[in-house]
Amino acid sequence: MEVLGILNQLEEMIENSRSVFGNKASIDKNRAMELITDIRIGLPDDFKQAEWISQERQRIIYDAQEEAEKIIADAKKNAEEIVEEDSITQAAYKKAENIVAEAEYDAKELRNGAVRYSQEILKKVSKDMKGLTEKVLTNHRELGDMLIGDDEEEAIEQ
């Protein structure tokens, strides 16, 4: 700042002046007036510069706050996306577990149904075979009864 330099010059002038009566000093009045005029001229520029620096400081603070808010908003959005993706993943795992459980249940029911069906078929075949066996034995006896003579004994033994 220019004004500070001029004030330093004025201060040096006063310090280097001759003391006249105790605290009183003798200085070059014209030079002191020039320095004061320079201060008055320089103050508006220094005030403008100080005001600009203050405004610039405020702008930087405002920009930093905006950037911080943006970073926080982005972080929240990313966190929400991660949570949502995790929720979607968890839902997919749950759905997959349900599908597997349902498939296992369906496979069990299908297997049990196949076993029951096979049992019914075997029961029917067994019944049919029993009936056939009885019919074969009956037919065999009837044929044996039809034999004439000695061959009867041989036919029945076979």
N, C-alpha and C. Protein backbone atom coordinates (compact mmCIF):
# COMPACT_ATOMS: atom_id res chain seq x y z
N MET A 1 0.82 -1.18 0.00
CA MET A 1 0.00 0.00 0.00
C MET A 1 0.87 1.25 0.00
N GLU A 2 0.55 2.17 -0.85
CA GLU A 2 1.29 3.43 -0.96
C GLU A 2 1.19 4.26 0.31
N VAL A 3 0.02 4.31 0.85
CA VAL A 3 -0.23 5.18 2.00
C VAL A 3 0.66 4.78 3.17
N LEU A 4 0.86 3.51 3.39
CA LEU A 4 1.71 3.06 4.50
C LEU A 4 3.14 3.55 4.31
N GLY A 5 3.64 3.52 3.09
CA GLY A 5 4.98 4.04 2.82
C GLY A 5 5.09 5.52 3.13
N ILE A 6 4.07 6.28 2.73
CA ILE A 6 4.06 7.73 2.99
C ILE A 6 3.99 7.99 4.49
N LEU A 7 3.16 7.22 5.19
CA LEU A 7 3.06 7.36 6.65
C LEU A 7 4.40 7.04 7.31
N ASN A 8 5.11 6.05 6.78
CA ASN A 8 6.45 5.73 7.31
C ASN A 8 7.41 6.91 7.11
N GLN A 9 7.32 7.54 5.97
CA GLN A 9 8.18 8.70 5.72
C GLN A 9 7.87 9.83 6.70
N LEU A 10 6.58 10.07 6.92
CA LEU A 10 6.16 11.11 7.86
C LEU A 10 6.64 10.78 9.27
N GLU A 11 6.52 9.52 9.63
CA GLU A 11 6.97 9.08 10.95
C GLU A 11 8.49 9.28 11.11
N GLU A 12 9.25 8.91 10.08
CA GLU A 12 10.72 9.10 10.12
C GLU A 12 11.07 10.59 10.25
N MET A 13 10.33 11.40 9.52
CA MET A 13 10.58 12.84 9.56
C MET A 13 10.37 13.37 10.98
N ILE A 14 9.31 12.90 11.63
CA ILE A 14 9.04 13.35 12.99
C ILE A 14 10.10 12.82 13.94
N GLU A 15 10.48 11.55 13.80
CA GLU A 15 11.49 10.95 14.68
C GLU A 15 12.86 11.61 14.50
N ASN A 16 13.19 11.97 13.30
CA ASN A 16 14.51 12.56 13.03
C ASN A 16 14.53 14.08 13.24
N SER A 17 13.39 14.64 13.61
CA SER A 17 13.32 16.11 13.80
C SER A 17 13.99 16.50 15.12
N ARG A 18 14.33 17.79 15.21
CA ARG A 18 14.95 18.31 16.43
C ARG A 18 13.88 18.64 17.44
N SER A 19 14.12 18.20 18.66
CA SER A 19 13.20 18.53 19.75
C SER A 19 13.40 19.99 20.11
N VAL A 20 12.28 20.68 20.30
CA VAL A 20 12.37 22.10 20.64
C VAL A 20 12.00 22.28 22.10
N PHE A 21 10.88 22.11 22.55
CA PHE A 21 10.48 22.26 23.95
C PHE A 21 9.87 20.94 24.42
N GLY A 22 10.65 20.00 24.92
CA GLY A 22 10.17 18.72 25.45
C GLY A 22 9.64 17.81 24.35
N ASN A 23 8.30 17.70 24.25
CA ASN A 23 7.67 16.83 23.25
C ASN A 23 7.43 17.55 21.93
N LYS A 24 7.80 18.76 21.84
CA LYS A 24 7.57 19.52 20.62
C LYS A 24 8.77 19.35 19.71
N ALA A 25 8.47 19.30 18.38
CA ALA A 25 9.54 19.08 17.41
C ALA A 25 9.42 20.07 16.29
N SER A 26 10.53 20.28 15.62
CA SER A 26 10.55 21.18 14.48
C SER A 26 10.71 20.32 13.23
N ILE A 27 9.73 20.42 12.30
CA ILE A 27 9.79 19.64 11.05
C ILE A 27 9.58 20.58 9.89
N ASP A 28 9.92 20.09 8.71
CA ASP A 28 9.72 20.87 7.50
C ASP A 28 8.23 20.86 7.20
N LYS A 29 7.60 22.02 7.40
CA LYS A 29 6.15 22.12 7.25
C LYS A 29 5.73 21.79 5.83
N ASN A 30 6.41 22.30 4.84
CA ASN A 30 6.05 22.06 3.43
C ASN A 30 6.15 20.57 3.09
N ARG A 31 7.23 19.97 3.58
CA ARG A 31 7.41 18.52 3.29
C ARG A 31 6.31 17.72 3.98
N ALA A 32 5.97 18.03 5.21
CA ALA A 32 4.91 17.35 5.96
C ALA A 32 3.59 17.52 5.22
N MET A 33 3.30 18.70 4.72
CA MET A 33 2.05 18.95 4.00
C MET A 33 2.01 18.15 2.69
N GLU A 34 3.16 18.05 2.01
CA GLU A 34 3.22 17.23 0.79
C GLU A 34 2.89 15.77 1.10
N LEU A 35 3.46 15.27 2.17
CA LEU A 35 3.21 13.87 2.57
C LEU A 35 1.73 13.66 2.93
N ILE A 36 1.15 14.60 3.64
CA ILE A 36 -0.27 14.49 4.00
C ILE A 36 -1.13 14.53 2.74
N THR A 37 -0.78 15.41 1.79
CA THR A 37 -1.52 15.47 0.51
C THR A 37 -1.39 14.14 -0.23
N ASP A 38 -0.17 13.59 -0.25
CA ASP A 38 0.03 12.29 -0.91
C ASP A 38 -0.81 11.19 -0.23
N ILE A 39 -0.93 11.29 1.08
CA ILE A 39 -1.75 10.30 1.81
C ILE A 39 -3.20 10.44 1.38
N ARG A 40 -3.67 11.70 1.32
CA ARG A 40 -5.07 11.93 0.91
C ARG A 40 -5.31 11.42 -0.50
N ILE A 41 -4.36 11.63 -1.37
CA ILE A 41 -4.50 11.16 -2.76
C ILE A 41 -4.45 9.64 -2.81
N GLY A 42 -3.55 9.06 -2.02
CA GLY A 42 -3.38 7.61 -2.05
C GLY A 42 -4.46 6.83 -1.33
N LEU A 43 -5.13 7.45 -0.36
CA LEU A 43 -6.15 6.73 0.41
C LEU A 43 -7.27 6.17 -0.46
N PRO A 44 -7.84 6.94 -1.36
CA PRO A 44 -8.92 6.36 -2.16
C PRO A 44 -8.47 5.10 -2.92
N ASP A 45 -7.25 5.13 -3.51
CA ASP A 45 -6.78 3.94 -4.22
C ASP A 45 -6.61 2.77 -3.25
N ASP A 46 -6.04 3.06 -2.09
CA ASP A 46 -5.83 2.00 -1.11
C ASP A 46 -7.16 1.47 -0.59
N PHE A 47 -8.12 2.39 -0.39
CA PHE A 47 -9.44 1.95 0.03
C PHE A 47 -10.09 1.08 -1.05
N LYS A 48 -9.94 1.52 -2.31
CA LYS A 48 -10.48 0.73 -3.42
C LYS A 48 -9.84 -0.64 -3.46
N GLN A 49 -8.52 -0.67 -3.30
CA GLN A 49 -7.81 -1.94 -3.32
C GLN A 49 -8.25 -2.81 -2.13
N ALA A 50 -8.38 -2.20 -0.97
CA ALA A 50 -8.82 -2.95 0.22
C ALA A 50 -10.24 -3.47 0.02
N GLU A 51 -11.10 -2.64 -0.57
CA GLU A 51 -12.47 -3.06 -0.84
C GLU A 51 -12.48 -4.21 -1.86
N TRP A 52 -11.64 -4.07 -2.90
CA TRP A 52 -11.55 -5.14 -3.90
C TRP A 52 -11.06 -6.44 -3.25
N ILE A 53 -10.05 -6.31 -2.39
CA ILE A 53 -9.52 -7.50 -1.70
C ILE A 53 -10.62 -8.11 -0.83
N SER A 54 -11.38 -7.28 -0.15
CA SER A 54 -12.47 -7.78 0.70
C SER A 54 -13.53 -8.48 -0.16
N GLN A 55 -13.90 -7.84 -1.29
CA GLN A 55 -14.89 -8.46 -2.18
C GLN A 55 -14.36 -9.77 -2.76
N GLU A 56 -13.09 -9.75 -3.14
CA GLU A 56 -12.48 -10.96 -3.70
C GLU A 56 -12.46 -12.07 -2.65
N ARG A 57 -12.16 -11.70 -1.42
CA ARG A 57 -12.16 -12.67 -0.31
C ARG A 57 -13.56 -13.26 -0.15
N GLN A 58 -14.58 -12.41 -0.19
CA GLN A 58 -15.96 -12.86 -0.07
C GLN A 58 -16.33 -13.79 -1.22
N ARG A 59 -15.92 -13.40 -2.43
CA ARG A 59 -16.20 -14.23 -3.60
C ARG A 59 -15.55 -15.60 -3.46
N ILE A 60 -14.30 -15.62 -3.02
CA ILE A 60 -13.58 -16.89 -2.85
C ILE A 60 -14.27 -17.75 -1.80
N ILE A 61 -14.69 -17.11 -0.70
CA ILE A 61 -15.41 -17.85 0.35
C ILE A 61 -16.72 -18.40 -0.20
N TYR A 62 -17.46 -17.56 -0.95
CA TYR A 62 -18.72 -17.99 -1.55
C TYR A 62 -18.50 -19.16 -2.51
N ASP A 63 -17.49 -19.02 -3.39
CA ASP A 63 -17.17 -20.10 -4.33
C ASP A 63 -16.80 -21.39 -3.60
N ALA A 64 -16.02 -21.25 -2.53
CA ALA A 64 -15.61 -22.42 -1.74
C ALA A 64 -16.82 -23.07 -1.10
N GLN A 65 -17.75 -22.25 -0.58
CA GLN A 65 -18.96 -22.81 0.02
C GLN A 65 -19.81 -23.53 -1.03
N GLU A 66 -19.95 -22.91 -2.21
CA GLU A 66 -20.70 -23.55 -3.29
C GLU A 66 -20.06 -24.89 -3.67
N GLU A 67 -18.73 -24.89 -3.80
CA GLU A 67 -18.01 -26.11 -4.15
C GLU A 67 -18.19 -27.17 -3.06
N ALA A 68 -18.12 -26.74 -1.81
CA ALA A 68 -18.31 -27.68 -0.69
C ALA A 68 -19.72 -28.27 -0.73
N GLU A 69 -20.73 -27.41 -0.97
CA GLU A 69 -22.11 -27.89 -1.05
C GLU A 69 -22.28 -28.85 -2.21
N LYS A 70 -21.63 -28.55 -3.34
CA LYS A 70 -21.71 -29.44 -4.50
C LYS A 70 -21.05 -30.78 -4.18
N ILE A 71 -19.90 -30.74 -3.53
CA ILE A 71 -19.21 -31.98 -3.17
C ILE A 71 -20.08 -32.80 -2.21
N ILE A 72 -20.70 -32.14 -1.24
CA ILE A 72 -21.57 -32.83 -0.28
C ILE A 72 -22.77 -33.44 -1.00
N ALA A 73 -23.38 -32.66 -1.92
CA ALA A 73 -24.53 -33.16 -2.68
C ALA A 73 -24.13 -34.37 -3.52
N ASP A 74 -22.97 -34.28 -4.19
CA ASP A 74 -22.49 -35.40 -5.00
C ASP A 74 -22.22 -36.62 -4.12
N ALA A 75 -21.64 -36.39 -2.96
CA ALA A 75 -21.35 -37.50 -2.05
C ALA A 75 -22.64 -38.17 -1.58
N LYS A 76 -23.64 -37.34 -1.26
CA LYS A 76 -24.94 -37.90 -0.84
C LYS A 76 -25.57 -38.70 -1.98
N LYS A 77 -25.49 -38.15 -3.19
CA LYS A 77 -26.06 -38.83 -4.36
C LYS A 77 -25.35 -40.16 -4.58
N ASN A 78 -24.01 -40.14 -4.51
CA ASN A 78 -23.25 -41.38 -4.68
C ASN A 78 -23.60 -42.38 -3.59
N ALA A 79 -23.75 -41.91 -2.36
CA ALA A 79 -24.11 -42.81 -1.26
C ALA A 79 -25.49 -43.42 -1.51
N GLU A 80 -26.44 -42.59 -1.97
CA GLU A 80 -27.78 -43.09 -2.26
C GLU A 80 -27.74 -44.12 -3.38
N GLU A 81 -26.93 -43.86 -4.42
CA GLU A 81 -26.81 -44.82 -5.52
C GLU A 81 -26.22 -46.14 -5.03
N ILE A 82 -25.20 -46.03 -4.17
CA ILE A 82 -24.59 -47.25 -3.63
C ILE A 82 -25.61 -48.03 -2.81
N VAL A 83 -26.37 -47.29 -1.97
CA VAL A 83 -27.39 -47.96 -1.15
C VAL A 83 -28.45 -48.59 -2.06
N GLU A 84 -28.85 -47.83 -3.10
CA GLU A 84 -29.86 -48.36 -4.02
C GLU A 84 -29.33 -49.59 -4.75
N GLU A 85 -28.09 -49.52 -5.21
CA GLU A 85 -27.49 -50.68 -5.89
C GLU A 85 -27.42 -51.86 -4.93
N ASP A 86 -27.06 -51.57 -3.67
CA ASP A 86 -27.00 -52.63 -2.67
C ASP A 86 -28.40 -53.20 -2.45
N SER A 87 -29.41 -52.33 -2.40
CA SER A 87 -30.79 -52.79 -2.22
C SER A 87 -31.21 -53.65 -3.41
N ILE A 88 -30.85 -53.21 -4.61
CA ILE A 88 -31.19 -53.98 -5.80
C ILE A 88 -30.49 -55.33 -5.76
N THR A 89 -29.22 -55.31 -5.37
CA THR A 89 -28.46 -56.56 -5.27
C THR A 89 -29.09 -57.48 -4.24
N GLN A 90 -29.44 -56.92 -3.08
CA GLN A 90 -30.05 -57.74 -2.02
C GLN A 90 -31.39 -58.31 -2.50
N ALA A 91 -32.17 -57.49 -3.19
CA ALA A 91 -33.46 -57.96 -3.71
C ALA A 91 -33.23 -59.06 -4.74
N ALA A 92 -32.21 -58.91 -5.58
CA ALA A 92 -31.91 -59.94 -6.58
C ALA A 92 -31.50 -61.25 -5.89
N TYR A 93 -30.65 -61.14 -4.84
CA TYR A 93 -30.27 -62.35 -4.10
C TYR A 93 -31.50 -63.01 -3.47
N LYS A 94 -32.38 -62.21 -2.89
CA LYS A 94 -33.59 -62.74 -2.26
C LYS A 94 -34.46 -63.42 -3.31
N LYS A 95 -34.61 -62.77 -4.46
CA LYS A 95 -35.43 -63.35 -5.53
C LYS A 95 -34.80 -64.66 -6.01
N ALA A 96 -33.47 -64.66 -6.15
CA ALA A 96 -32.77 -65.88 -6.58
C ALA A 96 -32.98 -66.99 -5.55
N GLU A 97 -32.90 -66.66 -4.28
CA GLU A 97 -33.13 -67.67 -3.23
C GLU A 97 -34.55 -68.22 -3.34
N ASN A 98 -35.52 -67.34 -3.57
CA ASN A 98 -36.91 -67.78 -3.71
C ASN A 98 -37.08 -68.69 -4.92
N ILE A 99 -36.44 -68.32 -6.03
CA ILE A 99 -36.54 -69.13 -7.25
C ILE A 99 -35.94 -70.51 -7.01
N VAL A 100 -34.77 -70.55 -6.36
CA VAL A 100 -34.12 -71.83 -6.08
C VAL A 100 -34.99 -72.66 -5.15
N ALA A 101 -35.54 -72.07 -4.10
CA ALA A 101 -36.40 -72.79 -3.16
C ALA A 101 -37.64 -73.33 -3.87
N GLU A 102 -38.22 -72.49 -4.73
CA GLU A 102 -39.40 -72.92 -5.49
C GLU A 102 -39.05 -74.05 -6.45
N ALA A 103 -37.91 -73.95 -7.10
CA ALA A 103 -37.48 -75.01 -8.02
C ALA A 103 -37.23 -76.31 -7.26
N GLU A 104 -36.61 -76.20 -6.09
CA GLU A 104 -36.37 -77.40 -5.28
C GLU A 104 -37.69 -78.02 -4.85
N TYR A 105 -38.65 -77.18 -4.44
CA TYR A 105 -39.97 -77.68 -4.05
C TYR A 105 -40.66 -78.36 -5.24
N ASP A 106 -40.64 -77.69 -6.40
CA ASP A 106 -41.25 -78.26 -7.60
C ASP A 106 -40.59 -79.59 -7.99
N ALA A 107 -39.25 -79.65 -7.89
CA ALA A 107 -38.53 -80.88 -8.22
C ALA A 107 -38.94 -82.00 -7.26
N LYS A 108 -39.06 -81.67 -5.98
CA LYS A 108 -39.47 -82.66 -4.97
C LYS A 108 -40.87 -83.17 -5.29
N GLU A 109 -41.79 -82.24 -5.58
CA GLU A 109 -43.17 -82.62 -5.90
C GLU A 109 -43.22 -83.47 -7.17
N LEU A 110 -42.44 -83.09 -8.16
CA LEU A 110 -42.40 -83.84 -9.42
C LEU A 110 -41.87 -85.25 -9.18
N ARG A 111 -40.81 -85.35 -8.39
CA ARG A 111 -40.22 -86.67 -8.08
C ARG A 111 -41.23 -87.52 -7.31
N ASN A 112 -41.86 -86.93 -6.29
CA ASN A 112 -42.86 -87.67 -5.52
C ASN A 112 -44.03 -88.10 -6.40
N GLY A 113 -44.46 -87.22 -7.30
CA GLY A 113 -45.53 -87.57 -8.23
C GLY A 113 -45.13 -88.74 -9.13
N ALA A 114 -43.86 -88.69 -9.60
CA ALA A 114 -43.38 -89.78 -10.46
C ALA A 114 -43.31 -91.09 -9.68
N VAL A 115 -42.88 -91.01 -8.44
CA VAL A 115 -42.81 -92.23 -7.61
C VAL A 115 -44.21 -92.78 -7.37
N ARG A 116 -45.17 -91.91 -7.03
CA ARG A 116 -46.56 -92.36 -6.80
C ARG A 116 -47.14 -92.99 -8.08
N TYR A 117 -46.90 -92.35 -9.21
CA TYR A 117 -47.39 -92.88 -10.48
C TYR A 117 -46.79 -94.26 -10.75
N SER A 118 -45.47 -94.37 -10.52
CA SER A 118 -44.80 -95.67 -10.73
C SER A 118 -45.37 -96.72 -9.80
N GLN A 119 -45.65 -96.34 -8.55
CA GLN A 119 -46.24 -97.31 -7.61
C GLN A 119 -47.61 -97.78 -8.11
N GLU A 120 -48.43 -96.85 -8.60
CA GLU A 120 -49.76 -97.22 -9.12
C GLU A 120 -49.63 -98.16 -10.31
N ILE A 121 -48.70 -97.86 -11.22
CA ILE A 121 -48.50 -98.71 -12.40
C ILE A 121 -48.05 -100.10 -11.96
N LEU A 122 -47.08 -100.15 -11.03
CA LEU A 122 -46.59 -101.45 -10.56
C LEU A 122 -47.68 -102.23 -9.84
N LYS A 123 -48.51 -101.53 -9.07
CA LYS A 123 -49.63 -102.20 -8.39
C LYS A 123 -50.57 -102.81 -9.42
N LYS A 124 -50.86 -102.01 -10.48
CA LYS A 124 -51.75 -102.49 -11.54
C LYS A 124 -51.13 -103.65 -12.28
N VAL A 125 -49.84 -103.53 -12.60
CA VAL A 125 -49.15 -104.62 -13.29
C VAL A 125 -49.15 -105.87 -12.42
N SER A 126 -48.87 -105.66 -11.11
CA SER A 126 -48.86 -106.80 -10.18
C SER A 126 -50.22 -107.46 -10.14
N LYS A 127 -51.29 -106.65 -10.07
CA LYS A 127 -52.66 -107.20 -10.06
C LYS A 127 -52.95 -107.94 -11.35
N ASP A 128 -52.55 -107.28 -12.47
CA ASP A 128 -52.78 -107.92 -13.78
C ASP A 128 -52.00 -109.22 -13.89
N MET A 129 -50.77 -109.23 -13.39
CA MET A 129 -49.94 -110.45 -13.46
C MET A 129 -50.53 -111.54 -12.57
N LYS A 130 -51.04 -111.14 -11.41
CA LYS A 130 -51.66 -112.12 -10.51
C LYS A 130 -52.85 -112.77 -11.21
N GLY A 131 -53.66 -111.89 -11.85
CA GLY A 131 -54.81 -112.41 -12.59
C GLY A 131 -54.36 -113.32 -13.73
N LEU A 132 -53.33 -112.91 -14.44
CA LEU A 132 -52.79 -113.72 -15.54
C LEU A 132 -52.25 -115.05 -15.03
N THR A 133 -51.53 -114.99 -13.91
CA THR A 133 -50.97 -116.22 -13.34
C THR A 133 -52.10 -117.18 -12.97
N GLU A 134 -53.15 -116.65 -12.36
CA GLU A 134 -54.30 -117.50 -11.99
C GLU A 134 -54.94 -118.07 -13.24
N LYS A 135 -55.05 -117.24 -14.26
CA LYS A 135 -55.67 -117.70 -15.51
C LYS A 135 -54.81 -118.78 -16.16
N VAL A 136 -53.47 -118.57 -16.14
CA VAL A 136 -52.56 -119.55 -16.72
C VAL A 136 -52.69 -120.87 -15.96
N LEU A 137 -52.73 -120.81 -14.64
CA LEU A 137 -52.85 -122.03 -13.84
C LEU A 137 -54.19 -122.72 -14.09
N THR A 138 -55.24 -121.90 -14.18
CA THR A 138 -56.56 -122.45 -14.47
C THR A 138 -56.55 -123.13 -15.83
N ASN A 139 -56.01 -122.46 -16.83
CA ASN A 139 -55.94 -123.03 -18.19
C ASN A 139 -55.08 -124.30 -18.18
N HIS A 140 -54.04 -124.28 -17.41
CA HIS A 140 -53.16 -125.46 -17.34
C HIS A 140 -53.90 -126.64 -16.74
N ARG A 141 -54.69 -126.39 -15.70
CA ARG A 141 -55.47 -127.48 -15.09
C ARG A 141 -56.53 -127.98 -16.04
N GLU A 142 -57.19 -127.02 -16.71
CA GLU A 142 -58.24 -127.45 -17.64
C GLU A 142 -57.67 -128.29 -18.76
N LEU A 143 -56.50 -127.90 -19.22
CA LEU A 143 -55.86 -128.70 -20.27
C LEU A 143 -55.47 -130.07 -19.72
N GLY A 144 -55.03 -130.06 -18.47
CA GLY A 144 -54.68 -131.35 -17.85
C GLY A 144 -55.89 -132.25 -17.71
N ASP A 145 -57.03 -131.65 -17.45
CA ASP A 145 -58.26 -132.43 -17.33
C ASP A 145 -58.68 -132.98 -18.69
N MET A 146 -58.27 -132.40 -19.73
CA MET A 146 -58.64 -132.83 -21.07
C MET A 146 -57.81 -134.02 -21.55
N LEU A 147 -56.77 -134.32 -20.89
CA LEU A 147 -55.91 -135.43 -21.32
C LEU A 147 -56.62 -136.78 -21.16
N ILE A 148 -56.33 -137.70 -22.05
CA ILE A 148 -56.91 -139.03 -22.00
C ILE A 148 -55.77 -140.02 -21.76
N GLY A 149 -55.86 -140.76 -20.79
CA GLY A 149 -54.93 -141.86 -20.58
C GLY A 149 -53.78 -141.55 -19.66
N ASP A 150 -52.62 -142.30 -19.97
CA ASP A 150 -51.44 -142.27 -19.13
C ASP A 150 -50.69 -140.93 -19.19
N ASP A 151 -50.85 -140.29 -20.19
CA ASP A 151 -50.13 -139.00 -20.36
C ASP A 151 -50.59 -137.94 -19.36
N GLU A 152 -51.67 -138.25 -18.70
CA GLU A 152 -52.23 -137.29 -17.76
C GLU A 152 -51.24 -136.96 -16.65
N GLU A 153 -50.64 -137.96 -16.15
CA GLU A 153 -49.72 -137.77 -15.04
C GLU A 153 -48.51 -136.98 -15.49
N GLU A 154 -48.00 -137.30 -16.63
CA GLU A 154 -46.82 -136.61 -17.13
C GLU A 154 -47.10 -135.13 -17.41
N ALA A 155 -48.25 -134.83 -17.93
CA ALA A 155 -48.63 -133.47 -18.27
C ALA A 155 -48.77 -132.62 -17.01
N ILE A 156 -49.30 -133.21 -15.97
CA ILE A 156 -49.51 -132.45 -14.76
C ILE A 156 -48.19 -132.19 -14.06
N GLU A 157 -47.28 -133.07 -14.15
CA GLU A 157 -45.99 -132.91 -13.49
C GLU A 157 -45.18 -131.79 -14.13
N GLN A 158 -45.36 -131.63 -15.36
CA GLN A 158 -44.55 -130.62 -16.03
C GLN A 158 -45.09 -129.31 -15.66
